[in-house]
């Protein structure tokens, strides 16, 4: 029989920024660190979407190498 873990410590951390909901994106955007160009090969980005938005994002990221 499989055990069910009811411990609250096993929950996923959504890492939602603190503050009012209207300011959460701005708080997150200004608190994240930038990626050093020397380390950009460590990250992979998947662009999901088609049309102008997806094509533009893919082209912009493609130019960056």
PDB file of N, CA and C in Angstrom:
ATOM      1  N   UNK A   1       0.842  -1.169   0.000  1.00  0.00           N
ATOM      2  CA  UNK A   1       0.000   0.000   0.000  1.00  0.00           C
ATOM      3  C   UNK A   1       0.896   1.244   0.000  1.00  0.00           C
ATOM      4  N   UNK A   2       0.610   2.205  -0.838  1.00  0.00           N
ATOM      5  CA  UNK A   2       1.415   3.415  -0.940  1.00  0.00           C
ATOM      6  C   UNK A   2       1.117   4.362   0.221  1.00  0.00           C
ATOM      7  N   UNK A   3       2.192   4.961   0.710  1.00  0.00           N
ATOM      8  CA  UNK A   3       2.031   5.932   1.796  1.00  0.00           C
ATOM      9  C   UNK A   3       1.685   7.296   1.214  1.00  0.00           C
ATOM     10  N   UNK A   4       0.817   8.005   1.875  1.00  0.00           N
ATOM     11  CA  UNK A   4       0.482   9.367   1.467  1.00  0.00           C
ATOM     12  C   UNK A   4       1.183  10.319   2.413  1.00  0.00           C
ATOM     13  N   UNK A   5       1.954  11.219   1.854  1.00  0.00           N
ATOM     14  CA  UNK A   5       2.692  12.184   2.665  1.00  0.00           C
ATOM     15  C   UNK A   5       1.774  13.357   2.977  1.00  0.00           C
ATOM     16  N   UNK A   6       1.403  13.495   4.232  1.00  0.00           N
ATOM     17  CA  UNK A   6       0.525  14.592   4.635  1.00  0.00           C
ATOM     18  C   UNK A   6       1.308  15.717   5.285  1.00  0.00           C
ATOM     19  N   UNK A   7       2.620  15.653   5.218  1.00  0.00           N
ATOM     20  CA  UNK A   7       3.462  16.674   5.813  1.00  0.00           C
ATOM     21  C   UNK A   7       3.355  17.960   4.994  1.00  0.00           C
ATOM     22  N   UNK A   8       3.156  19.090   5.663  1.00  0.00           N
ATOM     23  CA  UNK A   8       3.004  20.363   4.945  1.00  0.00           C
ATOM     24  C   UNK A   8       4.324  20.869   4.398  1.00  0.00           C
ATOM     25  N   UNK A   9       5.451  20.307   4.819  1.00  0.00           N
ATOM     26  CA  UNK A   9       6.752  20.748   4.326  1.00  0.00           C
ATOM     27  C   UNK A   9       7.014  20.272   2.900  1.00  0.00           C
ATOM     28  N   UNK A  10       6.242  19.339   2.393  1.00  0.00           N
ATOM     29  CA  UNK A  10       6.483  18.799   1.067  1.00  0.00           C
ATOM     30  C   UNK A  10       5.750  19.567  -0.032  1.00  0.00           C
ATOM     31  N   UNK A  11       5.124  20.665   0.311  1.00  0.00           N
ATOM     32  CA  UNK A  11       4.409  21.452  -0.701  1.00  0.00           C
ATOM     33  C   UNK A  11       5.387  22.209  -1.586  1.00  0.00           C
ATOM     34  N   UNK A  12       4.971  22.445  -2.806  1.00  0.00           N
ATOM     35  CA  UNK A  12       5.794  23.223  -3.726  1.00  0.00           C
ATOM     36  C   UNK A  12       5.810  24.693  -3.329  1.00  0.00           C
ATOM     37  N   UNK A  13       6.958  25.311  -3.511  1.00  0.00           N
ATOM     38  CA  UNK A  13       7.090  26.736  -3.222  1.00  0.00           C
ATOM     39  C   UNK A  13       6.912  27.492  -4.533  1.00  0.00           C
ATOM     40  N   UNK A  14       5.845  28.256  -4.668  1.00  0.00           N
ATOM     41  CA  UNK A  14       5.564  28.986  -5.900  1.00  0.00           C
ATOM     42  C   UNK A  14       6.455  30.203  -6.061  1.00  0.00           C
ATOM     43  N   UNK A  15       7.133  30.630  -5.006  1.00  0.00           N
ATOM     44  CA  UNK A  15       8.040  31.785  -5.022  1.00  0.00           C
ATOM     45  C   UNK A  15       7.340  33.039  -5.539  1.00  0.00           C
ATOM     46  N   UNK A  16       6.127  33.258  -5.068  1.00  0.00           N
ATOM     47  CA  UNK A  16       5.367  34.436  -5.435  1.00  0.00           C
ATOM     48  C   UNK A  16       5.920  35.620  -4.654  1.00  0.00           C
ATOM     49  N   UNK A  17       6.251  36.732  -5.322  1.00  0.00           N
ATOM     50  CA  UNK A  17       6.796  37.890  -4.607  1.00  0.00           C
ATOM     51  C   UNK A  17       5.793  38.460  -3.608  1.00  0.00           C
ATOM     52  N   UNK A  18       6.326  39.067  -2.582  1.00  0.00           N
ATOM     53  CA  UNK A  18       5.487  39.677  -1.556  1.00  0.00           C
ATOM     54  C   UNK A  18       4.908  40.996  -2.065  1.00  0.00           C
ATOM     55  N   UNK A  19       3.848  41.443  -1.435  1.00  0.00           N
ATOM     56  CA  UNK A  19       3.267  42.730  -1.765  1.00  0.00           C
ATOM     57  C   UNK A  19       1.899  42.602  -2.409  1.00  0.00           C
ATOM     58  N   UNK A  20       1.286  43.758  -2.694  1.00  0.00           N
ATOM     59  CA  UNK A  20      -0.032  43.754  -3.325  1.00  0.00           C
ATOM     60  C   UNK A  20       0.027  43.132  -4.716  1.00  0.00           C
ATOM     61  N   UNK A  21      -1.070  42.524  -5.131  1.00  0.00           N
ATOM     62  CA  UNK A  21      -1.090  41.801  -6.406  1.00  0.00           C
ATOM     63  C   UNK A  21      -0.809  42.722  -7.595  1.00  0.00           C
ATOM     64  N   UNK A  22      -1.173  43.966  -7.499  1.00  0.00           N
ATOM     65  CA  UNK A  22      -0.941  44.901  -8.602  1.00  0.00           C
ATOM     66  C   UNK A  22       0.542  45.224  -8.779  1.00  0.00           C
ATOM     67  N   UNK A  23       1.353  44.995  -7.745  1.00  0.00           N
ATOM     68  CA  UNK A  23       2.776  45.341  -7.811  1.00  0.00           C
ATOM     69  C   UNK A  23       3.691  44.118  -7.831  1.00  0.00           C
ATOM     70  N   UNK A  24       3.140  42.913  -7.843  1.00  0.00           N
ATOM     71  CA  UNK A  24       3.957  41.703  -7.766  1.00  0.00           C
ATOM     72  C   UNK A  24       4.908  41.560  -8.952  1.00  0.00           C
ATOM     73  N   UNK A  25       4.447  41.820 -10.172  1.00  0.00           N
ATOM     74  CA  UNK A  25       5.309  41.674 -11.344  1.00  0.00           C
ATOM     75  C   UNK A  25       6.436  42.685 -11.299  1.00  0.00           C
ATOM     76  N   UNK A  26       6.139  43.941 -10.943  1.00  0.00           N
ATOM     77  CA  UNK A  26       7.195  44.952 -10.861  1.00  0.00           C
ATOM     78  C   UNK A  26       8.210  44.591  -9.784  1.00  0.00           C
ATOM     79  N   UNK A  27       7.741  44.109  -8.629  1.00  0.00           N
ATOM     80  CA  UNK A  27       8.659  43.693  -7.562  1.00  0.00           C
ATOM     81  C   UNK A  27       9.571  42.573  -8.043  1.00  0.00           C
ATOM     82  N   UNK A  28       9.017  41.601  -8.748  1.00  0.00           N
ATOM     83  CA  UNK A  28       9.815  40.482  -9.244  1.00  0.00           C
ATOM     84  C   UNK A  28      10.807  40.942 -10.306  1.00  0.00           C
ATOM     85  N   UNK A  29      10.343  41.760 -11.215  1.00  0.00           N
ATOM     86  CA  UNK A  29      11.187  42.195 -12.329  1.00  0.00           C
ATOM     87  C   UNK A  29      12.391  42.991 -11.861  1.00  0.00           C
ATOM     88  N   UNK A  30      12.223  43.806 -10.832  1.00  0.00           N
ATOM     89  CA  UNK A  30      13.320  44.632 -10.359  1.00  0.00           C
ATOM     90  C   UNK A  30      14.198  43.926  -9.327  1.00  0.00           C
ATOM     91  N   UNK A  31      13.782  42.753  -8.844  1.00  0.00           N
ATOM     92  CA  UNK A  31      14.589  42.058  -7.844  1.00  0.00           C
ATOM     93  C   UNK A  31      15.408  40.904  -8.420  1.00  0.00           C
ATOM     94  N   UNK A  32      15.118  40.464  -9.671  1.00  0.00           N
ATOM     95  CA  UNK A  32      15.866  39.347 -10.238  1.00  0.00           C
ATOM     96  C   UNK A  32      17.238  39.807 -10.707  1.00  0.00           C
ATOM     97  N   UNK A  33      18.157  38.860 -10.750  1.00  0.00           N
ATOM     98  CA  UNK A  33      19.514  39.161 -11.201  1.00  0.00           C
ATOM     99  C   UNK A  33      19.608  38.961 -12.706  1.00  0.00           C
ATOM    100  N   UNK A  34      20.476  39.716 -13.349  1.00  0.00           N
ATOM    101  CA  UNK A  34      20.693  39.575 -14.785  1.00  0.00           C
ATOM    102  C   UNK A  34      21.620  38.397 -15.057  1.00  0.00           C
ATOM    103  N   UNK A  35      21.529  37.844 -16.256  1.00  0.00           N
ATOM    104  CA  UNK A  35      22.389  36.734 -16.652  1.00  0.00           C
ATOM    105  C   UNK A  35      23.640  37.314 -17.288  1.00  0.00           C
ATOM    106  N   UNK A  36      24.777  36.894 -16.779  1.00  0.00           N
ATOM    107  CA  UNK A  36      26.054  37.324 -17.327  1.00  0.00           C
ATOM    108  C   UNK A  36      26.204  36.727 -18.732  1.00  0.00           C
ATOM    109  N   UNK A  37      26.632  37.525 -19.722  1.00  0.00           N
ATOM    110  CA  UNK A  37      26.779  36.976 -21.082  1.00  0.00           C
ATOM    111  C   UNK A  37      27.707  35.766 -21.151  1.00  0.00           C
ATOM    112  N   UNK A  38      28.681  35.683 -20.260  1.00  0.00           N
ATOM    113  CA  UNK A  38      29.583  34.532 -20.265  1.00  0.00           C
ATOM    114  C   UNK A  38      28.871  33.264 -19.798  1.00  0.00           C
ATOM    115  N   UNK A  39      27.802  33.409 -19.031  1.00  0.00           N
ATOM    116  CA  UNK A  39      27.079  32.252 -18.502  1.00  0.00           C
ATOM    117  C   UNK A  39      25.783  31.955 -19.247  1.00  0.00           C
ATOM    118  N   UNK A  40      25.497  32.667 -20.326  1.00  0.00           N
ATOM    119  CA  UNK A  40      24.201  32.490 -20.982  1.00  0.00           C
ATOM    120  C   UNK A  40      24.054  31.133 -21.646  1.00  0.00           C
ATOM    121  N   UNK A  41      25.142  30.429 -21.908  1.00  0.00           N
ATOM    122  CA  UNK A  41      25.054  29.100 -22.513  1.00  0.00           C
ATOM    123  C   UNK A  41      24.527  28.059 -21.522  1.00  0.00           C
ATOM    124  N   UNK A  42      24.489  28.386 -20.239  1.00  0.00           N
ATOM    125  CA  UNK A  42      23.987  27.459 -19.226  1.00  0.00           C
ATOM    126  C   UNK A  42      22.466  27.366 -19.235  1.00  0.00           C
ATOM    127  N   UNK A  43      21.800  28.317 -19.870  1.00  0.00           N
ATOM    128  CA  UNK A  43      20.336  28.389 -19.830  1.00  0.00           C
ATOM    129  C   UNK A  43      19.750  28.040 -21.184  1.00  0.00           C
ATOM    130  N   UNK A  44      18.622  27.369 -21.154  1.00  0.00           N
ATOM    131  CA  UNK A  44      17.885  27.061 -22.376  1.00  0.00           C
ATOM    132  C   UNK A  44      16.523  27.725 -22.271  1.00  0.00           C
ATOM    133  N   UNK A  45      16.098  28.333 -23.354  1.00  0.00           N
ATOM    134  CA  UNK A  45      14.820  29.030 -23.371  1.00  0.00           C
ATOM    135  C   UNK A  45      13.947  28.392 -24.445  1.00  0.00           C
ATOM    136  N   UNK A  46      12.736  28.076 -24.075  1.00  0.00           N
ATOM    137  CA  UNK A  46      11.765  27.524 -25.019  1.00  0.00           C
ATOM    138  C   UNK A  46      10.709  28.591 -25.249  1.00  0.00           C
ATOM    139  N   UNK A  47      10.533  29.005 -26.482  1.00  0.00           N
ATOM    140  CA  UNK A  47       9.512  29.991 -26.833  1.00  0.00           C
ATOM    141  C   UNK A  47       8.263  29.240 -27.244  1.00  0.00           C
ATOM    142  N   UNK A  48       7.188  29.471 -26.504  1.00  0.00           N
ATOM    143  CA  UNK A  48       5.911  28.827 -26.799  1.00  0.00           C
ATOM    144  C   UNK A  48       4.992  29.871 -27.393  1.00  0.00           C
ATOM    145  N   UNK A  49       4.570  29.655 -28.601  1.00  0.00           N
ATOM    146  CA  UNK A  49       3.670  30.596 -29.248  1.00  0.00           C
ATOM    147  C   UNK A  49       3.964  30.672 -30.729  1.00  0.00           C
ATOM    148  N   UNK A  50       2.983  31.114 -31.448  1.00  0.00           N
ATOM    149  CA  UNK A  50       3.143  31.250 -32.885  1.00  0.00           C
ATOM    150  C   UNK A  50       2.729  32.650 -33.273  1.00  0.00           C
ATOM    151  N   UNK A  51       2.892  32.959 -34.511  1.00  0.00           N
ATOM    152  CA  UNK A  51       2.499  34.275 -34.990  1.00  0.00           C
ATOM    153  C   UNK A  51       3.575  35.308 -34.737  1.00  0.00           C
ATOM    154  N   UNK A  52       3.169  36.554 -34.680  1.00  0.00           N
ATOM    155  CA  UNK A  52       4.130  37.642 -34.560  1.00  0.00           C
ATOM    156  C   UNK A  52       4.882  37.625 -33.240  1.00  0.00           C
ATOM    157  N   UNK A  53       4.206  37.337 -32.148  1.00  0.00           N
ATOM    158  CA  UNK A  53       4.858  37.361 -30.836  1.00  0.00           C
ATOM    159  C   UNK A  53       5.907  36.257 -30.711  1.00  0.00           C
ATOM    160  N   UNK A  54       5.537  35.041 -31.059  1.00  0.00           N
ATOM    161  CA  UNK A  54       6.480  33.926 -30.975  1.00  0.00           C
ATOM    162  C   UNK A  54       7.620  34.073 -31.947  1.00  0.00           C
ATOM    163  N   UNK A  55       7.325  34.509 -33.165  1.00  0.00           N
ATOM    164  CA  UNK A  55       8.368  34.698 -34.170  1.00  0.00           C
ATOM    165  C   UNK A  55       9.337  35.806 -33.784  1.00  0.00           C
ATOM    166  N   UNK A  56       8.797  36.874 -33.228  1.00  0.00           N
ATOM    167  CA  UNK A  56       9.650  37.978 -32.801  1.00  0.00           C
ATOM    168  C   UNK A  56      10.547  37.579 -31.646  1.00  0.00           C
ATOM    169  N   UNK A  57      10.004  36.859 -30.674  1.00  0.00           N
ATOM    170  CA  UNK A  57      10.809  36.416 -29.531  1.00  0.00           C
ATOM    171  C   UNK A  57      11.893  35.464 -29.985  1.00  0.00           C
ATOM    172  N   UNK A  58      11.554  34.518 -30.849  1.00  0.00           N
ATOM    173  CA  UNK A  58      12.540  33.556 -31.335  1.00  0.00           C
ATOM    174  C   UNK A  58      13.639  34.239 -32.147  1.00  0.00           C
ATOM    175  N   UNK A  59      13.271  35.214 -32.982  1.00  0.00           N
ATOM    176  CA  UNK A  59      14.264  35.926 -33.774  1.00  0.00           C
ATOM    177  C   UNK A  59      15.187  36.752 -32.901  1.00  0.00           C
ATOM    178  N   UNK A  60      14.636  37.418 -31.902  1.00  0.00           N
ATOM    179  CA  UNK A  60      15.438  38.245 -31.004  1.00  0.00           C
ATOM    180  C   UNK A  60      16.416  37.377 -30.222  1.00  0.00           C
ATOM    181  N   UNK A  61      15.943  36.265 -29.667  1.00  0.00           N
ATOM    182  CA  UNK A  61      16.828  35.388 -28.913  1.00  0.00           C
ATOM    183  C   UNK A  61      17.848  34.709 -29.820  1.00  0.00           C
ATOM    184  N   UNK A  62      17.470  34.426 -31.055  1.00  0.00           N
ATOM    185  CA  UNK A  62      18.394  33.827 -32.001  1.00  0.00           C
ATOM    186  C   UNK A  62      19.553  34.745 -32.355  1.00  0.00           C
ATOM    187  N   UNK A  63      19.275  36.043 -32.429  1.00  0.00           N
ATOM    188  CA  UNK A  63      20.333  37.004 -32.725  1.00  0.00           C
ATOM    189  C   UNK A  63      21.331  37.115 -31.584  1.00  0.00           C
ATOM    190  N   UNK A  64      20.858  36.870 -30.370  1.00  0.00           N
ATOM    191  CA  UNK A  64      21.755  36.954 -29.214  1.00  0.00           C
ATOM    192  C   UNK A  64      22.723  35.777 -29.136  1.00  0.00           C
ATOM    193  N   UNK A  65      22.402  34.718 -29.849  1.00  0.00           N
ATOM    194  CA  UNK A  65      23.298  33.548 -29.872  1.00  0.00           C
ATOM    195  C   UNK A  65      22.874  32.576 -28.877  1.00  0.00           C
TER     196      UNK A  65
END
